[in-house]
Amino acid sequence: MTDSPIKTKREGFILEVTLDRPKANAIDLATSQIMGDVFTEFRDDPDLRVAIVTGAGEKFFCPGWDLKAAAGGDAVDGDYGKGGFGGLQELRGLNKPVIAAVNGICCGGGLELALSADIILAADHATFALPEIRSGTVADAASIKLPKRIPHHIAMEMLFTGRWLEVEEAARWGMVNHIYPASNLMAEAWKLAELLASGPPLVYAAIKEIVREAEDMKFQDAMNRITKSQFATVETLYRSEDEKEGARAFAEKRDPVWKGR
């Protein structure tokens, strides 16, 4: 639908998802539910390998929860749909790469959305914050994720004070992978997506499951699960056509042709 707050563009193995809710790309319950459906379809479609999530316009990536919708009756503990808020942060079994292309202001739940991606690219005017403290609430997902992604004391300062980070500082602390001029951001996001789409999807799936599951495990316990093929994605990989193709391509000194099976 042309009036949907979520616009999608599909090209080859890549899906671009654009949050388009003027004026600020804030997310209400209905939008979150649509995003959940979109990302669930991406997860389950064998012909899609990489997703890019971005915001429409040049000012806002996403400021998070739509406070006007909340004032109008949207409950903060309402039904966000599949995958929780924004469709990504609680989506189970998402074993494909996701790139966030942050095109402007990225705060609150918008920053939590970006943190749910695997790689964050940002325009050179992007800014980041967790301002929930100023409205007497908690940035719940960010309180869990951010101290594990950047230095603990920087994360705690952001959570406690709501202060803003310019993109250069966000990159310095490791929150952002790369900074690009705003005019080049999406071209660079697509360039990276095409690189990832040319890679082995079953290996990506194994990487994402291992990283996700091992986060709260002891090192040796995680290693034992890998070597004993107790991760479903690792078991699939080691019995796949792609695993054999990788070895053949190396021996034959050619590029592998990945089929995802």
Protein backbone atom coordinates (compact mmCIF):
# COMPACT_ATOMS: atom_id res chain seq x y z
CA MET A 1 0.00 0.00 0.00
CA THR A 2 1.33 3.42 -0.95
CA ASP A 3 0.07 5.02 2.28
CA SER A 4 1.78 2.45 4.49
CA PRO A 5 4.27 3.88 7.00
CA ILE A 6 6.68 1.15 5.91
CA LYS A 7 8.04 1.18 2.37
CA THR A 8 9.93 -1.82 1.02
CA LYS A 9 12.21 -2.27 -1.96
CA ARG A 10 13.32 -5.72 -3.04
CA GLU A 11 16.22 -6.22 -5.43
CA GLY A 12 17.84 -9.61 -5.85
CA PHE A 13 18.67 -11.05 -2.44
CA ILE A 14 18.31 -7.68 -0.68
CA LEU A 15 15.33 -6.07 1.07
CA GLU A 16 15.33 -2.35 1.89
CA VAL A 17 12.88 -1.33 4.63
CA THR A 18 12.15 2.38 5.04
CA LEU A 19 10.27 3.86 7.99
CA ASP A 20 8.20 6.67 6.49
CA ARG A 21 5.94 8.37 9.04
CA PRO A 22 6.13 12.15 8.74
CA LYS A 23 7.16 14.27 10.47
CA ALA A 24 9.67 12.29 12.54
CA ASN A 25 9.33 8.57 11.68
CA ALA A 26 8.09 7.77 15.19
CA ILE A 27 6.70 4.28 15.74
CA ASP A 28 3.19 3.63 17.05
CA LEU A 29 1.63 0.23 17.71
CA ALA A 30 0.23 -0.17 14.19
CA THR A 31 3.56 0.69 12.59
CA SER A 32 5.44 -1.69 14.86
CA GLN A 33 3.05 -4.47 13.92
CA ILE A 34 3.65 -3.83 10.21
CA MET A 35 7.40 -3.85 10.79
CA GLY A 36 7.08 -7.16 12.62
CA ASP A 37 5.29 -8.68 9.64
CA VAL A 38 7.88 -7.29 7.20
CA PHE A 39 10.89 -8.59 9.14
CA THR A 40 9.22 -11.95 9.78
CA GLU A 41 8.66 -12.35 6.04
CA PHE A 42 12.29 -11.38 5.46
CA ARG A 43 13.44 -13.99 7.97
CA ASP A 44 11.33 -16.73 6.41
CA ASP A 45 11.93 -15.99 2.71
CA PRO A 46 14.73 -18.23 1.39
CA ASP A 47 15.31 -15.86 -1.52
CA LEU A 48 16.22 -12.93 0.73
CA ARG A 49 19.63 -12.79 2.39
CA VAL A 50 20.23 -9.23 3.66
CA ALA A 51 18.03 -6.39 4.92
CA ILE A 52 18.67 -2.65 5.16
CA VAL A 53 16.55 -0.58 7.55
CA THR A 54 16.50 3.21 7.26
CA GLY A 55 14.27 6.24 7.68
CA ALA A 56 12.67 8.50 5.10
CA GLY A 57 13.93 12.04 4.69
CA GLU A 58 17.17 13.62 5.83
CA LYS A 59 16.42 14.68 9.41
CA PHE A 60 15.12 11.63 11.28
CA PHE A 61 16.07 7.98 11.30
CA CYS A 62 13.65 7.32 14.14
CA PRO A 63 12.96 8.98 17.51
CA GLY A 64 11.35 5.82 18.84
CA TRP A 65 7.96 5.57 20.49
CA ASP A 66 5.25 7.90 19.17
CA LEU A 67 4.31 9.96 22.23
CA LYS A 68 1.38 11.58 20.39
CA ALA A 69 -0.05 8.14 19.69
CA ALA A 70 0.50 7.26 23.34
CA ALA A 71 -1.39 10.38 24.39
CA GLY A 72 -4.16 9.29 22.02
CA GLY A 73 -4.52 5.87 23.62
CA ASP A 74 -1.67 3.64 22.44
CA ALA A 75 -0.53 1.73 25.53
CA VAL A 76 3.23 1.58 26.14
CA ASP A 77 2.74 -2.08 27.08
CA GLY A 78 0.45 -2.75 24.12
CA ASP A 79 0.82 -5.28 21.31
CA TYR A 80 3.89 -4.31 19.30
CA GLY A 81 3.45 -7.33 17.01
CA LYS A 82 5.94 -9.95 15.92
CA GLY A 83 9.48 -9.23 17.02
CA GLY A 84 8.47 -6.68 19.63
CA PHE A 85 9.02 -2.95 19.21
CA GLY A 86 10.03 -2.14 15.63
CA GLY A 87 9.79 -5.80 14.61
CA LEU A 88 13.48 -6.55 15.18
CA GLN A 89 14.62 -6.46 18.78
CA GLU A 90 12.82 -9.63 19.89
CA LEU A 91 12.43 -11.46 16.57
CA ARG A 92 13.49 -15.05 17.19
CA GLY A 93 15.59 -16.98 14.72
CA LEU A 94 16.60 -14.01 12.56
CA ASN A 95 19.80 -15.52 11.17
CA LYS A 96 20.39 -13.11 8.30
CA PRO A 97 22.48 -9.91 8.26
CA VAL A 98 20.66 -6.64 8.93
CA ILE A 99 22.21 -3.22 8.20
CA ALA A 100 20.91 -0.04 9.82
CA ALA A 101 21.47 3.05 7.65
CA VAL A 102 21.01 5.88 10.14
CA ASN A 103 20.11 8.95 8.13
CA GLY A 104 19.57 11.46 10.96
CA ILE A 105 18.30 11.72 14.54
CA CYS A 106 18.39 8.29 16.17
CA CYS A 107 17.13 8.28 19.73
CA GLY A 108 15.10 6.32 22.25
CA GLY A 109 13.44 3.36 20.61
CA GLY A 110 15.01 4.43 17.32
CA LEU A 111 18.44 3.78 18.80
CA GLU A 112 17.16 0.47 20.13
CA LEU A 113 16.02 -0.35 16.58
CA ALA A 114 19.48 0.46 15.22
CA LEU A 115 21.11 -1.63 17.96
CA SER A 116 19.01 -4.58 16.79
CA ALA A 117 20.88 -4.52 13.47
CA ASP A 118 24.22 -6.26 12.95
CA ILE A 119 26.00 -3.33 11.31
CA ILE A 120 25.31 0.40 11.73
CA LEU A 121 26.19 2.90 9.02
CA ALA A 122 25.49 6.57 9.67
CA ALA A 123 25.22 9.84 7.81
CA ASP A 124 27.71 12.49 8.87
CA HIS A 125 24.96 14.55 10.55
CA ALA A 126 23.43 11.68 12.54
CA THR A 127 23.01 12.06 16.32
CA PHE A 128 22.23 9.52 19.03
CA ALA A 129 20.63 9.64 22.47
CA LEU A 130 18.51 7.83 25.05
CA PRO A 131 16.32 10.66 26.39
CA GLU A 132 13.85 8.41 28.24
CA ILE A 133 15.24 9.50 31.61
CA ARG A 134 13.85 12.99 31.00
CA SER A 135 10.30 11.68 30.66
CA GLY A 136 10.53 9.45 33.70
CA THR A 137 10.76 6.13 31.90
CA VAL A 138 13.41 3.55 31.10
CA ALA A 139 15.04 2.63 27.80
CA ASP A 140 14.53 -1.06 28.49
CA ALA A 141 16.14 -2.75 25.48
CA ALA A 142 18.99 -0.22 25.41
CA SER A 143 19.64 -0.81 29.12
CA ILE A 144 20.26 -4.45 28.24
CA LYS A 145 22.13 -4.03 24.97
CA LEU A 146 24.12 -0.80 25.07
CA PRO A 147 26.48 -1.59 28.01
CA LYS A 148 27.50 -4.72 26.10
CA ARG A 149 28.16 -2.84 22.85
CA ILE A 150 30.14 0.21 23.97
CA PRO A 151 32.23 1.01 27.07
CA HIS A 152 30.11 0.46 30.17
CA HIS A 153 30.63 3.93 31.62
CA ILE A 154 29.70 5.69 28.38
CA ALA A 155 26.52 3.62 28.12
CA MET A 156 25.61 4.39 31.72
CA GLU A 157 26.18 8.11 31.17
CA MET A 158 23.84 8.02 28.16
CA LEU A 159 21.20 6.14 30.13
CA PHE A 160 21.50 8.32 33.24
CA THR A 161 21.70 11.73 31.58
CA GLY A 162 20.08 11.38 28.15
CA ARG A 163 22.95 13.32 26.60
CA TRP A 164 23.39 13.39 22.83
CA LEU A 165 26.32 11.89 20.92
CA GLU A 166 27.43 13.36 17.63
CA VAL A 167 28.17 10.70 15.03
CA GLU A 168 31.96 11.02 15.40
CA GLU A 169 31.76 10.23 19.11
CA ALA A 170 29.35 7.36 18.49
CA ALA A 171 31.86 5.89 16.05
CA ARG A 172 34.72 6.43 18.49
CA TRP A 173 32.96 4.33 21.12
CA GLY A 174 32.16 1.61 18.59
CA MET A 175 28.42 2.23 18.24
CA VAL A 176 28.75 3.03 14.52
CA ASN A 177 30.76 1.06 11.96
CA HIS A 178 31.20 3.74 9.29
CA ILE A 179 30.27 7.38 8.68
CA TYR A 180 29.36 8.63 5.19
CA PRO A 181 28.19 11.90 3.66
CA ALA A 182 24.40 11.88 3.77
CA SER A 183 24.20 11.87 -0.02
CA ASN A 184 26.22 8.62 -0.17
CA LEU A 185 24.71 6.76 2.78
CA MET A 186 22.24 4.56 0.93
CA ALA A 187 24.64 3.81 -1.92
CA GLU A 188 27.17 2.63 0.66
CA ALA A 189 24.52 0.60 2.49
CA TRP A 190 23.59 -1.12 -0.77
CA LYS A 191 27.23 -1.72 -1.62
CA LEU A 192 27.71 -3.48 1.72
CA ALA A 193 24.43 -5.38 1.33
CA GLU A 194 25.52 -6.63 -2.09
CA LEU A 195 28.82 -7.81 -0.63
CA LEU A 196 27.01 -9.71 2.12
CA ALA A 197 24.42 -11.08 -0.30
CA SER A 198 27.26 -12.61 -2.34
CA GLY A 199 28.51 -14.49 0.72
CA PRO A 200 27.50 -17.85 2.23
CA PRO A 201 24.05 -17.50 3.86
CA LEU A 202 24.39 -20.70 5.90
CA VAL A 203 27.64 -19.43 7.42
CA TYR A 204 25.95 -16.12 8.29
CA ALA A 205 23.16 -18.06 9.96
CA ALA A 206 25.65 -20.05 12.01
CA ILE A 207 27.54 -16.90 13.01
CA LYS A 208 24.38 -15.15 14.16
CA GLU A 209 23.11 -18.11 16.18
CA ILE A 210 26.50 -18.68 17.83
CA VAL A 211 26.92 -14.99 18.72
CA ARG A 212 23.36 -14.75 20.06
CA GLU A 213 23.38 -17.95 22.09
CA ALA A 214 26.96 -17.67 23.35
CA GLU A 215 26.45 -14.19 24.79
CA ASP A 216 25.47 -15.57 28.21
CA MET A 217 27.48 -18.78 28.08
CA LYS A 218 30.94 -19.67 29.32
CA PHE A 219 33.50 -19.91 26.52
CA GLN A 220 34.11 -23.64 26.82
CA ASP A 221 30.41 -24.43 27.05
CA ALA A 222 29.82 -22.53 23.81
CA MET A 223 32.76 -24.24 22.12
CA ASN A 224 31.48 -27.65 23.19
CA ARG A 225 28.09 -26.90 21.68
CA ILE A 226 29.75 -25.89 18.40
CA THR A 227 32.05 -28.90 18.14
CA LYS A 228 29.20 -31.25 19.01
CA SER A 229 26.96 -29.59 16.40
CA GLN A 230 24.41 -28.64 19.04
CA PHE A 231 23.56 -25.42 17.26
CA ALA A 232 20.93 -26.12 14.60
CA THR A 233 22.53 -23.75 12.09
CA VAL A 234 25.97 -25.34 12.52
CA GLU A 235 24.47 -28.79 12.02
CA THR A 236 22.77 -27.58 8.84
CA LEU A 237 25.95 -25.94 7.57
CA TYR A 238 28.17 -28.99 8.04
CA ARG A 239 25.72 -31.18 6.11
CA SER A 240 25.01 -28.71 3.33
CA GLU A 241 25.81 -28.47 -0.37
CA ASP A 242 27.38 -25.08 0.36
CA GLU A 243 29.92 -26.60 2.76
CA LYS A 244 31.07 -28.96 0.01
CA GLU A 245 30.99 -26.16 -2.58
CA GLY A 246 33.27 -24.01 -0.44
CA ALA A 247 35.89 -26.74 -0.28
CA ARG A 248 35.62 -27.49 -4.01
CA ALA A 249 35.88 -23.83 -4.97
CA PHE A 250 38.99 -23.39 -2.84
CA ALA A 251 40.63 -26.46 -4.39
CA GLU A 252 39.69 -25.35 -7.90
CA LYS A 253 40.81 -21.74 -7.26
CA ARG A 254 37.49 -20.20 -8.25
CA ASP A 255 34.76 -18.19 -6.58
CA PRO A 256 32.15 -20.34 -4.81
CA VAL A 257 28.53 -20.32 -5.87
CA TRP A 258 26.42 -20.25 -2.71
CA LYS A 259 22.91 -21.71 -2.88
CA GLY A 260 21.94 -21.53 0.77
CA ARG A 261 21.34 -25.23 1.03
